[in-house]
C-alpha atoms as a PDB file:
ATOM      1  CA  MET A   1     -46.712 174.384 -11.936  1.00  0.00           C
ATOM      2  CA  ASP A   2     -43.175 172.928 -12.012  1.00  0.00           C
ATOM      3  CA  MET A   3     -41.366 171.848  -8.838  1.00  0.00           C
ATOM      4  CA  ASP A   4     -38.054 173.349  -9.966  1.00  0.00           C
ATOM      5  CA  LYS A   5     -39.646 176.741 -10.622  1.00  0.00           C
ATOM      6  CA  GLN A   6     -41.595 177.088  -7.365  1.00  0.00           C
ATOM      7  CA  PRO A   7     -40.210 174.538  -4.898  1.00  0.00           C
ATOM      8  CA  ASP A   8     -40.759 176.582  -1.752  1.00  0.00           C
ATOM      9  CA  ALA A   9     -44.474 177.183  -2.272  1.00  0.00           C
ATOM     10  CA  ILE A  10     -45.249 173.556  -3.075  1.00  0.00           C
ATOM     11  CA  ALA A  11     -43.004 172.278  -0.283  1.00  0.00           C
ATOM     12  CA  ARG A  12     -44.737 174.532   2.225  1.00  0.00           C
ATOM     13  CA  GLU A  13     -48.183 173.338   1.193  1.00  0.00           C
ATOM     14  CA  ALA A  14     -47.043 169.705   1.200  1.00  0.00           C
ATOM     15  CA  ALA A  15     -45.562 170.087   4.677  1.00  0.00           C
ATOM     16  CA  GLU A  16     -48.719 171.725   6.020  1.00  0.00           C
ATOM     17  CA  HIS A  17     -50.891 168.883   4.710  1.00  0.00           C
ATOM     18  CA  PHE A  18     -48.422 166.293   5.986  1.00  0.00           C
ATOM     19  CA  ALA A  19     -48.236 167.864   9.451  1.00  0.00           C
ATOM     20  CA  ARG A  20     -51.956 167.294   9.905  1.00  0.00           C
ATOM     21  CA  TRP A  21     -52.280 163.884   8.309  1.00  0.00           C
ATOM     22  CA  ARG A  22     -52.729 161.765  11.492  1.00  0.00           C
ATOM     23  CA  GLY A  23     -55.159 163.941  13.362  1.00  0.00           C
ATOM     24  CA  ALA A  24     -56.882 165.410  10.348  1.00  0.00           C
ATOM     25  CA  ALA A  25     -60.608 166.035  10.348  1.00  0.00           C
ATOM     26  CA  SER A  26     -62.588 164.682   7.416  1.00  0.00           C
ATOM     27  CA  SER A  27     -62.680 168.132   5.796  1.00  0.00           C
ATOM     28  CA  GLN A  28     -58.892 168.404   6.089  1.00  0.00           C
ATOM     29  CA  ARG A  29     -58.432 164.964   4.528  1.00  0.00           C
ATOM     30  CA  ARG A  30     -60.658 165.939   1.617  1.00  0.00           C
ATOM     31  CA  ALA A  31     -58.691 169.161   1.129  1.00  0.00           C
ATOM     32  CA  ARG A  32     -55.422 167.241   1.145  1.00  0.00           C
ATOM     33  CA  ASP A  33     -56.680 164.678  -1.374  1.00  0.00           C
ATOM     34  CA  ALA A  34     -57.942 167.444  -3.659  1.00  0.00           C
ATOM     35  CA  TRP A  35     -54.607 169.236  -3.456  1.00  0.00           C
ATOM     36  CA  LEU A  36     -52.691 166.037  -4.252  1.00  0.00           C
ATOM     37  CA  GLN A  37     -54.825 165.470  -7.347  1.00  0.00           C
ATOM     38  CA  GLN A  38     -54.389 168.997  -8.679  1.00  0.00           C
ATOM     39  CA  ASP A  39     -50.922 168.502 -10.097  1.00  0.00           C
ATOM     40  CA  ASP A  40     -48.224 165.840 -10.280  1.00  0.00           C
ATOM     41  CA  PRO A  41     -45.628 168.021  -8.470  1.00  0.00           C
ATOM     42  CA  HIS A  42     -48.009 168.226  -5.502  1.00  0.00           C
ATOM     43  CA  ALA A  43     -48.104 164.452  -5.145  1.00  0.00           C
ATOM     44  CA  ALA A  44     -44.346 164.220  -5.728  1.00  0.00           C
ATOM     45  CA  ALA A  45     -43.581 166.794  -3.014  1.00  0.00           C
ATOM     46  CA  TYR A  46     -45.885 165.054  -0.545  1.00  0.00           C
ATOM     47  CA  ASP A  47     -44.318 161.679  -1.327  1.00  0.00           C
ATOM     48  CA  ASP A  48     -40.824 163.140  -0.901  1.00  0.00           C
ATOM     49  CA  LEU A  49     -41.805 164.500   2.486  1.00  0.00           C
ATOM     50  CA  ARG A  50     -43.292 161.187   3.572  1.00  0.00           C
ATOM     51  CA  ARG A  51     -40.104 159.370   2.550  1.00  0.00           C
ATOM     52  CA  LEU A  52     -37.999 161.843   4.506  1.00  0.00           C
ATOM     53  CA  TRP A  53     -40.218 161.330   7.537  1.00  0.00           C
ATOM     54  CA  ASP A  54     -39.977 157.547   7.277  1.00  0.00           C
ATOM     55  CA  ARG A  55     -36.211 157.774   6.817  1.00  0.00           C
ATOM     56  CA  THR A  56     -35.767 159.730  10.045  1.00  0.00           C
ATOM     57  CA  GLY A  57     -37.966 157.441  12.144  1.00  0.00           C
ATOM     58  CA  GLU A  58     -40.523 160.165  12.808  1.00  0.00           C
ATOM     59  CA  LEU A  59     -37.935 162.149  14.792  1.00  0.00           C
ATOM     60  CA  ALA A  60     -38.906 160.662  18.118  1.00  0.00           C
ATOM     61  CA  GLY A  61     -36.643 162.886  20.213  1.00  0.00           C
ATOM     62  CA  ASP A  62     -34.673 166.089  20.250  1.00  0.00           C
ATOM     63  CA  ALA A  63     -31.396 164.291  19.608  1.00  0.00           C
ATOM     64  CA  GLU A  64     -32.718 162.946  16.326  1.00  0.00           C
ATOM     65  CA  LEU A  65     -34.044 166.343  15.378  1.00  0.00           C
ATOM     66  CA  GLN A  66     -30.632 167.898  15.931  1.00  0.00           C
ATOM     67  CA  ALA A  67     -29.073 165.131  13.874  1.00  0.00           C
ATOM     68  CA  LEU A  68     -31.462 165.891  11.033  1.00  0.00           C
ATOM     69  CA  LYS A  69     -30.593 169.594  11.206  1.00  0.00           C
ATOM     70  CA  SER A  70     -26.900 168.844  10.749  1.00  0.00           C
ATOM     71  CA  ALA A  71     -25.400 165.544   9.658  1.00  0.00           C
ATOM     72  CA  ASP A  72     -28.558 163.963   8.318  1.00  0.00           C
ATOM     73  CA  LEU A  73     -29.279 166.890   6.044  1.00  0.00           C
ATOM     74  CA  ALA A  74     -25.854 166.449   4.541  1.00  0.00           C
ATOM     75  CA  ALA A  75     -26.568 162.770   3.999  1.00  0.00           C
ATOM     76  CA  LEU A  76     -29.941 163.522   2.466  1.00  0.00           C
ATOM     77  CA  ARG A  77     -28.291 165.698  -0.158  1.00  0.00           C
ATOM     78  CA  ARG A  78     -26.618 162.579  -1.529  1.00  0.00           C
ATOM     79  CA  TRP A  79     -29.890 160.824  -2.305  1.00  0.00           C
ATOM     80  CA  ARG A  80     -29.771 160.321  -6.059  1.00  0.00           C
ATOM     81  CA  ARG A  81     -33.518 160.427  -6.633  1.00  0.00           C
ATOM     82  CA  PHE A  82     -33.718 164.078  -5.470  1.00  0.00           C
ATOM     83  CA  ARG A  83     -32.672 167.033  -7.544  1.00  0.00           C
ATOM     84  CA  PRO A  84     -30.702 169.363  -5.210  1.00  0.00           C
ATOM     85  CA  ARG A  85     -33.121 172.290  -5.287  1.00  0.00           C
ATOM     86  CA  ARG A  86     -36.132 170.061  -4.809  1.00  0.00           C
ATOM     87  CA  LEU A  87     -34.522 168.139  -1.941  1.00  0.00           C
ATOM     88  CA  MET A  88     -33.467 171.231  -0.036  1.00  0.00           C
ATOM     89  CA  ALA A  89     -36.882 172.840  -0.377  1.00  0.00           C
ATOM     90  CA  VAL A  90     -38.664 169.813   1.067  1.00  0.00           C
ATOM     91  CA  ALA A  91     -36.048 169.025   3.730  1.00  0.00           C
ATOM     92  CA  ALA A  92     -35.767 172.637   4.819  1.00  0.00           C
ATOM     93  CA  MET A  93     -39.531 172.845   5.176  1.00  0.00           C
ATOM     94  CA  LEU A  94     -39.586 169.684   7.278  1.00  0.00           C
ATOM     95  CA  VAL A  95     -36.860 171.003   9.584  1.00  0.00           C
ATOM     96  CA  ALA A  96     -38.515 174.411   9.827  1.00  0.00           C
ATOM     97  CA  LEU A  97     -41.823 172.884  10.828  1.00  0.00           C
ATOM     98  CA  LEU A  98     -40.249 170.577  13.369  1.00  0.00           C
ATOM     99  CA  GLY A  99     -37.827 173.136  14.746  1.00  0.00           C
ATOM    100  CA  GLY A 100     -40.585 175.705  15.162  1.00  0.00           C
ATOM    101  CA  GLY A 101     -42.823 173.210  16.921  1.00  0.00           C
ATOM    102  CA  TYR A 102     -45.506 173.463  14.206  1.00  0.00           C
ATOM    103  CA  LEU A 103     -45.826 169.767  13.626  1.00  0.00           C
ATOM    104  CA  MET A 104     -46.001 168.725  17.248  1.00  0.00           C
ATOM    105  CA  ALA A 105     -48.219 171.627  18.175  1.00  0.00           C
ATOM    106  CA  ASP A 106     -50.594 170.808  15.347  1.00  0.00           C
ATOM    107  CA  ARG A 107     -50.741 167.128  16.193  1.00  0.00           C
ATOM    108  CA  PHE A 108     -51.047 167.562  19.926  1.00  0.00           C
ATOM    109  CA  ALA A 109     -52.681 170.968  20.321  1.00  0.00           C
ATOM    110  CA  GLN A 110     -55.838 169.111  21.253  1.00  0.00           C
ATOM    111  CA  PRO A 111     -55.580 166.495  24.027  1.00  0.00           C
ATOM    112  CA  PRO A 112     -55.137 162.955  22.705  1.00  0.00           C
ATOM    113  CA  VAL A 113     -58.435 161.206  22.189  1.00  0.00           C
ATOM    114  CA  ALA A 114     -59.308 159.070  25.206  1.00  0.00           C
ATOM    115  CA  VAL A 115     -59.814 155.336  24.747  1.00  0.00           C
ATOM    116  CA  GLU A 116     -62.331 154.015  27.269  1.00  0.00           C
ATOM    117  CA  TYR A 117     -62.497 150.593  28.885  1.00  0.00           C
ATOM    118  CA  ALA A 118     -65.116 149.228  31.278  1.00  0.00           C
ATOM    119  CA  THR A 119     -66.329 146.066  32.968  1.00  0.00           C
ATOM    120  CA  ALA A 120     -69.784 144.960  34.047  1.00  0.00           C
ATOM    121  CA  LEU A 121     -70.764 143.775  37.508  1.00  0.00           C
ATOM    122  CA  GLY A 122     -68.828 140.578  38.267  1.00  0.00           C
ATOM    123  CA  GLU A 123     -66.615 140.908  35.160  1.00  0.00           C
ATOM    124  CA  ARG A 124     -62.825 141.124  35.019  1.00  0.00           C
ATOM    125  CA  ARG A 125     -60.967 142.259  31.910  1.00  0.00           C
ATOM    126  CA  THR A 126     -57.282 142.079  31.003  1.00  0.00           C
ATOM    127  CA  GLN A 127     -56.240 144.760  28.518  1.00  0.00           C
ATOM    128  CA  ALA A 128     -52.885 145.006  26.709  1.00  0.00           C
ATOM    129  CA  MET A 129     -51.910 148.638  26.202  1.00  0.00           C
ATOM    130  CA  PRO A 130     -50.079 150.057  23.155  1.00  0.00           C
ATOM    131  CA  ASP A 131     -46.897 150.751  25.159  1.00  0.00           C
ATOM    132  CA  GLY A 132     -46.558 147.154  26.355  1.00  0.00           C
ATOM    133  CA  SER A 133     -48.225 147.727  29.736  1.00  0.00           C
ATOM    134  CA  ASN A 134     -51.073 145.505  30.919  1.00  0.00           C
ATOM    135  CA  VAL A 135     -54.152 146.500  32.888  1.00  0.00           C
ATOM    136  CA  VAL A 136     -56.619 144.237  34.672  1.00  0.00           C
ATOM    137  CA  LEU A 137     -59.953 145.935  35.340  1.00  0.00           C
ATOM    138  CA  ASN A 138     -61.906 144.559  38.280  1.00  0.00           C
ATOM    139  CA  THR A 139     -65.675 144.321  38.579  1.00  0.00           C
ATOM    140  CA  ASP A 140     -67.847 147.311  37.636  1.00  0.00           C
ATOM    141  CA  SER A 141     -64.870 149.513  36.740  1.00  0.00           C
ATOM    142  CA  ALA A 142     -64.173 152.141  34.097  1.00  0.00           C
ATOM    143  CA  MET A 143     -61.115 154.015  32.907  1.00  0.00           C
ATOM    144  CA  ALA A 144     -60.080 156.373  30.114  1.00  0.00           C
ATOM    145  CA  VAL A 145     -56.579 156.193  28.627  1.00  0.00           C
ATOM    146  CA  ARG A 146     -54.736 159.002  26.842  1.00  0.00           C
ATOM    147  CA  TYR A 147     -51.313 158.325  25.314  1.00  0.00           C
ATOM    148  CA  SER A 148     -49.063 160.915  23.709  1.00  0.00           C
ATOM    149  CA  ARG A 149     -45.344 161.180  23.057  1.00  0.00           C
ATOM    150  CA  GLN A 150     -44.855 162.875  26.421  1.00  0.00           C
ATOM    151  CA  HIS A 151     -47.332 161.156  28.726  1.00  0.00           C
ATOM    152  CA  ARG A 152     -49.301 158.011  29.475  1.00  0.00           C
ATOM    153  CA  ILE A 153     -52.349 159.067  31.447  1.00  0.00           C
ATOM    154  CA  VAL A 154     -55.076 156.821  32.844  1.00  0.00           C
ATOM    155  CA  GLU A 155     -58.169 158.273  34.483  1.00  0.00           C
ATOM    156  CA  LEU A 156     -59.753 155.706  36.778  1.00  0.00           C
ATOM    157  CA  ARG A 157     -63.378 156.797  36.759  1.00  0.00           C
ATOM    158  CA  GLN A 158     -64.753 154.067  38.967  1.00  0.00           C
ATOM    159  CA  GLY A 159     -63.829 150.728  40.444  1.00  0.00           C
ATOM    160  CA  GLU A 160     -60.419 149.122  40.617  1.00  0.00           C
ATOM    161  CA  ALA A 161     -57.546 148.183  38.326  1.00  0.00           C
ATOM    162  CA  GLN A 162     -54.140 146.558  38.499  1.00  0.00           C
ATOM    163  CA  PHE A 163     -51.392 148.077  36.345  1.00  0.00           C
ATOM    164  CA  ASP A 164     -48.299 146.231  35.153  1.00  0.00           C
ATOM    165  CA  VAL A 165     -46.350 149.134  33.659  1.00  0.00           C
ATOM    166  CA  ALA A 166     -43.781 148.883  30.866  1.00  0.00           C
ATOM    167  CA  ARG A 167     -40.722 151.039  31.473  1.00  0.00           C
ATOM    168  CA  ASP A 168     -40.495 154.249  29.487  1.00  0.00           C
ATOM    169  CA  ALA A 169     -38.571 156.951  31.348  1.00  0.00           C
ATOM    170  CA  ALA A 170     -39.437 159.527  28.694  1.00  0.00           C
ATOM    171  CA  ARG A 171     -43.193 159.057  29.216  1.00  0.00           C
ATOM    172  CA  PRO A 172     -44.392 158.899  32.808  1.00  0.00           C
ATOM    173  CA  PHE A 173     -47.295 156.563  33.512  1.00  0.00           C
ATOM    174  CA  VAL A 174     -49.817 158.493  35.600  1.00  0.00           C
ATOM    175  CA  VAL A 175     -53.098 157.279  37.079  1.00  0.00           C
ATOM    176  CA  GLN A 176     -55.528 160.024  38.005  1.00  0.00           C
ATOM    177  CA  VAL A 177     -58.328 159.537  40.528  1.00  0.00           C
ATOM    178  CA  GLY A 178     -60.062 162.861  40.955  1.00  0.00           C
ATOM    179  CA  THR A 179     -57.317 165.209  42.177  1.00  0.00           C
ATOM    180  CA  ASP A 180     -55.109 162.339  43.392  1.00  0.00           C
ATOM    181  CA  THR A 181     -52.280 161.128  41.152  1.00  0.00           C
ATOM    182  CA  ILE A 182     -50.173 157.984  41.143  1.00  0.00           C
ATOM    183  CA  THR A 183     -46.988 158.059  39.051  1.00  0.00           C
ATOM    184  CA  ALA A 184     -45.007 154.930  38.184  1.00  0.00           C
ATOM    185  CA  LEU A 185     -42.100 153.801  36.029  1.00  0.00           C
ATOM    186  CA  GLY A 186     -41.821 150.059  35.460  1.00  0.00           C
ATOM    187  CA  THR A 187     -43.894 148.719  38.326  1.00  0.00           C
ATOM    188  CA  ARG A 188     -46.993 146.743  39.339  1.00  0.00           C
ATOM    189  CA  PHE A 189     -49.662 148.296  41.492  1.00  0.00           C
ATOM    190  CA  GLN A 190     -53.399 148.509  42.118  1.00  0.00           C
ATOM    191  CA  VAL A 191     -55.640 151.547  42.383  1.00  0.00           C
ATOM    192  CA  ARG A 192     -59.162 151.508  43.750  1.00  0.00           C
ATOM    193  CA  ARG A 193     -61.575 154.410  43.683  1.00  0.00           C
ATOM    194  CA  GLU A 194     -63.907 154.695  46.657  1.00  0.00           C
ATOM    195  CA  PRO A 195     -66.662 157.284  47.146  1.00  0.00           C
ATOM    196  CA  ASP A 196     -64.528 159.267  49.607  1.00  0.00           C
ATOM    197  CA  SER A 197     -60.972 157.976  49.141  1.00  0.00           C
ATOM    198  CA  THR A 198     -58.374 156.449  46.828  1.00  0.00           C
ATOM    199  CA  ARG A 199     -56.601 153.204  47.703  1.00  0.00           C
ATOM    200  CA  VAL A 200     -53.173 152.500  46.168  1.00  0.00           C
ATOM    201  CA  THR A 201     -51.480 149.124  46.691  1.00  0.00           C
ATOM    202  CA  LEU A 202     -47.903 148.625  45.502  1.00  0.00           C
ATOM    203  CA  LEU A 203     -46.836 145.088  44.600  1.00  0.00           C
ATOM    204  CA  GLU A 204     -43.538 145.661  42.759  1.00  0.00           C
ATOM    205  CA  GLY A 205     -41.261 148.630  42.006  1.00  0.00           C
ATOM    206  CA  SER A 206     -42.184 152.051  43.328  1.00  0.00           C
ATOM    207  CA  VAL A 207     -44.901 154.623  42.851  1.00  0.00           C
ATOM    208  CA  ALA A 208     -45.278 158.217  43.972  1.00  0.00           C
ATOM    209  CA  VAL A 209     -48.706 159.127  45.320  1.00  0.00           C
ATOM    210  CA  THR A 210     -49.790 162.759  45.467  1.00  0.00           C
ATOM    211  CA  HIS A 211     -52.731 163.983  47.507  1.00  0.00           C
ATOM    212  CA  GLY A 212     -53.008 167.754  47.676  1.00  0.00           C
ATOM    213  CA  ASP A 213     -49.675 169.003  49.057  1.00  0.00           C
ATOM    214  CA  GLU A 214     -48.725 165.561  50.367  1.00  0.00           C
ATOM    215  CA  ARG A 215     -46.464 163.261  48.372  1.00  0.00           C
ATOM    216  CA  TYR A 216     -45.188 159.815  49.328  1.00  0.00           C
ATOM    217  CA  VAL A 217     -43.150 157.117  47.599  1.00  0.00           C
ATOM    218  CA  LEU A 218     -44.486 153.651  48.374  1.00  0.00           C
ATOM    219  CA  ARG A 219     -42.420 150.517  48.795  1.00  0.00           C
ATOM    220  CA  PRO A 220     -43.552 147.036  47.729  1.00  0.00           C
ATOM    221  CA  ASN A 221     -46.380 145.577  49.833  1.00  0.00           C
ATOM    222  CA  GLU A 222     -47.459 148.969  51.094  1.00  0.00           C
ATOM    223  CA  ARG A 223     -50.918 150.476  50.718  1.00  0.00           C
ATOM    224  CA  ALA A 224     -51.795 154.167  50.840  1.00  0.00           C
ATOM    225  CA  ILE A 225     -55.273 155.454  51.592  1.00  0.00           C
ATOM    226  CA  LEU A 226     -55.761 158.988  50.240  1.00  0.00           C
ATOM    227  CA  SER A 227     -58.701 160.723  51.852  1.00  0.00           C
ATOM    228  CA  ALA A 228     -59.919 164.306  51.923  1.00  0.00           C
ATOM    229  CA  ARG A 229     -61.017 163.733  55.521  1.00  0.00           C
ATOM    230  CA  THR A 230     -57.965 161.975  56.989  1.00  0.00           C
ATOM    231  CA  GLY A 231     -55.150 162.790  54.554  1.00  0.00           C
ATOM    232  CA  VAL A 232     -52.682 160.028  53.644  1.00  0.00           C
ATOM    233  CA  SER A 233     -52.240 156.863  55.687  1.00  0.00           C
ATOM    234  CA  ILE A 234     -49.816 154.058  54.795  1.00  0.00           C
ATOM    235  CA  ALA A 235     -49.855 150.453  55.997  1.00  0.00           C
ATOM    236  CA  THR A 236     -48.160 147.147  55.146  1.00  0.00           C
ATOM    237  CA  ILE A 237     -50.343 144.575  53.376  1.00  0.00           C
ATOM    238  CA  ASP A 238     -50.270 140.865  52.508  1.00  0.00           C
ATOM    239  CA  PRO A 239     -49.951 140.669  48.708  1.00  0.00           C
ATOM    240  CA  GLY A 240     -51.778 137.337  48.629  1.00  0.00           C
ATOM    241  CA  PHE A 241     -54.903 138.999  49.999  1.00  0.00           C
ATOM    242  CA  ALA A 242     -54.503 142.058  47.763  1.00  0.00           C
ATOM    243  CA  THR A 243     -54.305 140.042  44.535  1.00  0.00           C
ATOM    244  CA  GLY A 244     -56.931 137.395  45.245  1.00  0.00           C
ATOM    245  CA  TRP A 245     -59.538 139.072  43.042  1.00  0.00           C
ATOM    246  CA  LEU A 246     -57.339 138.510  39.982  1.00  0.00           C
ATOM    247  CA  ASP A 247     -58.181 134.792  40.273  1.00  0.00           C
ATOM    248  CA  GLY A 248     -61.768 135.315  41.374  1.00  0.00           C
ATOM    249  CA  TRP A 249     -61.171 134.952  45.104  1.00  0.00           C
ATOM    250  CA  LEU A 250     -62.030 137.149  48.063  1.00  0.00           C
ATOM    251  CA  ARG A 251     -59.651 136.512  50.957  1.00  0.00           C
ATOM    252  CA  PHE A 252     -60.193 137.809  54.483  1.00  0.00           C
ATOM    253  CA  ARG A 253     -58.308 137.470  57.717  1.00  0.00           C
ATOM    254  CA  GLY A 254     -60.005 138.812  60.813  1.00  0.00           C
ATOM    255  CA  ALA A 255     -62.084 141.250  58.740  1.00  0.00           C
ATOM    256  CA  PRO A 256     -65.250 142.847  60.150  1.00  0.00           C
ATOM    257  CA  LEU A 257     -68.354 141.224  58.727  1.00  0.00           C
ATOM    258  CA  ALA A 258     -69.551 144.595  57.410  1.00  0.00           C
ATOM    259  CA  GLU A 259     -66.341 144.844  55.355  1.00  0.00           C
ATOM    260  CA  VAL A 260     -66.744 141.300  54.016  1.00  0.00           C
ATOM    261  CA  ILE A 261     -70.298 142.037  52.923  1.00  0.00           C
ATOM    262  CA  ALA A 262     -69.365 145.327  51.260  1.00  0.00           C
ATOM    263  CA  GLU A 263     -66.581 143.610  49.311  1.00  0.00           C
ATOM    264  CA  ALA A 264     -68.727 140.644  48.289  1.00  0.00           C
ATOM    265  CA  ASN A 265     -71.512 142.928  47.074  1.00  0.00           C
ATOM    266  CA  ARG A 266     -69.145 144.536  44.548  1.00  0.00           C
ATOM    267  CA  TYR A 267     -69.268 141.335  42.486  1.00  0.00           C
ATOM    268  CA  SER A 268     -72.908 140.236  42.612  1.00  0.00           C
ATOM    269  CA  GLY A 269     -76.375 141.522  41.878  1.00  0.00           C
ATOM    270  CA  GLN A 270     -77.721 139.442  44.759  1.00  0.00           C
ATOM    271  CA  LYS A 271     -76.752 141.525  47.766  1.00  0.00           C
ATOM    272  CA  LEU A 272     -75.829 140.500  51.283  1.00  0.00           C
ATOM    273  CA  ARG A 273     -77.355 142.562  54.093  1.00  0.00           C
ATOM    274  CA  LEU A 274     -76.957 142.738  57.848  1.00  0.00           C
ATOM    275  CA  GLY A 275     -80.212 142.279  59.687  1.00  0.00           C
ATOM    276  CA  ASP A 276     -78.691 143.496  62.931  1.00  0.00           C
ATOM    277  CA  PRO A 277     -76.058 146.274  63.227  1.00  0.00           C
ATOM    278  CA  ARG A 278     -74.435 144.401  66.103  1.00  0.00           C
ATOM    279  CA  LEU A 279     -73.036 141.922  63.553  1.00  0.00           C
ATOM    280  CA  ALA A 280     -71.054 144.599  61.735  1.00  0.00           C
ATOM    281  CA  ASP A 281     -67.882 144.247  63.829  1.00  0.00           C
ATOM    282  CA  VAL A 282     -67.913 140.447  64.143  1.00  0.00           C
ATOM    283  CA  GLN A 283     -64.642 139.215  62.641  1.00  0.00           C
ATOM    284  CA  LEU A 284     -64.440 136.675  59.841  1.00  0.00           C
ATOM    285  CA  SER A 285     -61.583 134.827  58.127  1.00  0.00           C
ATOM    286  CA  GLY A 286     -61.860 132.747  54.983  1.00  0.00           C
ATOM    287  CA  ASN A 287     -61.567 132.500  51.212  1.00  0.00           C
ATOM    288  CA  PHE A 288     -64.692 132.909  49.097  1.00  0.00           C
ATOM    289  CA  HIS A 289     -65.554 132.839  45.394  1.00  0.00           C
ATOM    290  CA  ALA A 290     -66.272 136.379  44.181  1.00  0.00           C
ATOM    291  CA  GLY A 291     -69.766 136.757  42.747  1.00  0.00           C
ATOM    292  CA  ASP A 292     -71.327 133.773  44.548  1.00  0.00           C
ATOM    293  CA  ASN A 293     -73.038 135.555  47.419  1.00  0.00           C
ATOM    294  CA  ALA A 294     -75.358 132.642  48.123  1.00  0.00           C
ATOM    295  CA  SER A 295     -72.386 130.393  48.870  1.00  0.00           C
ATOM    296  CA  ILE A 296     -70.729 133.149  50.898  1.00  0.00           C
ATOM    297  CA  ALA A 297     -73.862 133.551  53.021  1.00  0.00           C
ATOM    298  CA  GLU A 298     -74.045 129.794  53.553  1.00  0.00           C
ATOM    299  CA  ALA A 299     -70.377 129.635  54.573  1.00  0.00           C
ATOM    300  CA  VAL A 300     -70.787 132.546  56.979  1.00  0.00           C
ATOM    301  CA  SER A 301     -73.732 130.812  58.630  1.00  0.00           C
ATOM    302  CA  LEU A 302     -71.528 127.775  59.236  1.00  0.00           C
ATOM    303  CA  ILE A 303     -68.637 129.796  60.655  1.00  0.00           C
ATOM    304  CA  LEU A 304     -70.500 132.399  62.711  1.00  0.00           C
ATOM    305  CA  PRO A 305     -73.605 132.271  64.922  1.00  0.00           C
ATOM    306  CA  VAL A 306     -75.846 133.738  62.235  1.00  0.00           C
ATOM    307  CA  ARG A 307     -78.589 132.445  59.987  1.00  0.00           C
ATOM    308  CA  VAL A 308     -79.616 133.486  56.489  1.00  0.00           C
ATOM    309  CA  GLU A 309     -82.998 134.932  55.586  1.00  0.00           C
ATOM    310  CA  ARG A 310     -83.611 134.753  51.850  1.00  0.00           C
ATOM    311  CA  HIS A 311     -85.503 137.601  50.209  1.00  0.00           C
ATOM    312  CA  VAL A 312     -86.256 138.327  46.553  1.00  0.00           C
ATOM    313  CA  ASP A 313     -83.254 140.579  45.944  1.00  0.00           C
ATOM    314  CA  ASP A 314     -80.956 139.973  48.884  1.00  0.00           C
ATOM    315  CA  LEU A 315     -79.739 137.627  51.591  1.00  0.00           C
ATOM    316  CA  VAL A 316     -80.059 138.936  55.126  1.00  0.00           C
ATOM    317  CA  LEU A 317     -77.745 137.765  57.911  1.00  0.00           C
ATOM    318  CA  VAL A 318     -79.350 137.811  61.337  1.00  0.00           C
ATOM    319  CA  PRO A 319     -78.189 136.523  64.738  1.00  0.00           C
ATOM    320  CA  GLN A 320     -79.184 132.954  65.561  1.00  0.00           C
END
C-alpha cells in the first residue's frame, strides 16, 4: 500500500492508534505494534503524526489548537520532508481528531488513574506532586490524587495533610473530603478528616470551602469546621500551634485534657486514657513530642494533680 495512493486511510488509522497511545490497554498496544509492522507507510504515517504532535507542544490549550487550524497549518506545508498530499492527509486528520474532541475524549473518557499515598501510625511523609505542589501527610493518613489537563483532585480518605499548592489557574486544585470540597489556587492550607467533620486551616493565600449549600472563602490564619450536625463554623487560629506537627511537636494552650489525649493518641500505639471522666475538662498548656506518650504522661503528672498508672497497652491518668 503506497502513502501517495491512499493517504487518507492510512492517516486515519495512524491517528486512531496515536490518539490512544498514552492510555492504551495492552491489547491496544499490541494491535498498534502489529499495524506498524505491516507496512513501511504505516510506520511513516505514525512517525509523521508524532512529529506534528511534538512540534505543536501537544496542543495544551484552545488557542494553540486554533493556531494549528490556521497559521500553523500553513507553516507545516513548508516542511521539506513532507510531500504535500501526505502532509495534508496527516495534518488534516490530526486537526479533525482534535477539533472533534476525539483525542481528548479517548484519553480522558475514563477518569485519570488515582495515585495513592499513605502514612503509618506516627509517620509523616512529604510528597512532591507532578504540578510542582507539595503535600505533607500526617500520621496514619491516606489520600488519592487524580491529575488531568482540567483538574487536580485530591481525595483525603483519612487523617490530615498540608498542601502547598503551585499556581495553575487553568487547573483548579480541589481537595475532597466526603461531600465537602476545598478549592485553592496558589496557597498553603491543611485539611483534617474527622469521623463527623472536616477541619480546614488556611495558612497562606485563600481557599473556598463548600459544605452542602454553604460556601465560604477563608482568610489566612482562619480555620473552618465543616460538620453535618452544626454546619460551618469559622475561627481565628495561631499558625504556630497549627503547624507544630510538621516538626514533630504537639502544642497546646489551655486545651482540655481530653483533647490533648485524643491528639497524642493519633501518633502512638501506646495509648493515653483517662481513669476519671472528671479530668476531661482540666486545662493543659505545653509542648510535647508527638509519638512519645510515655513522656507526655510523665509531663502531665508533673503539671497537673494526676498520677500515671501503667498498663500493658496504655497509660491511665487518674486523680492524685
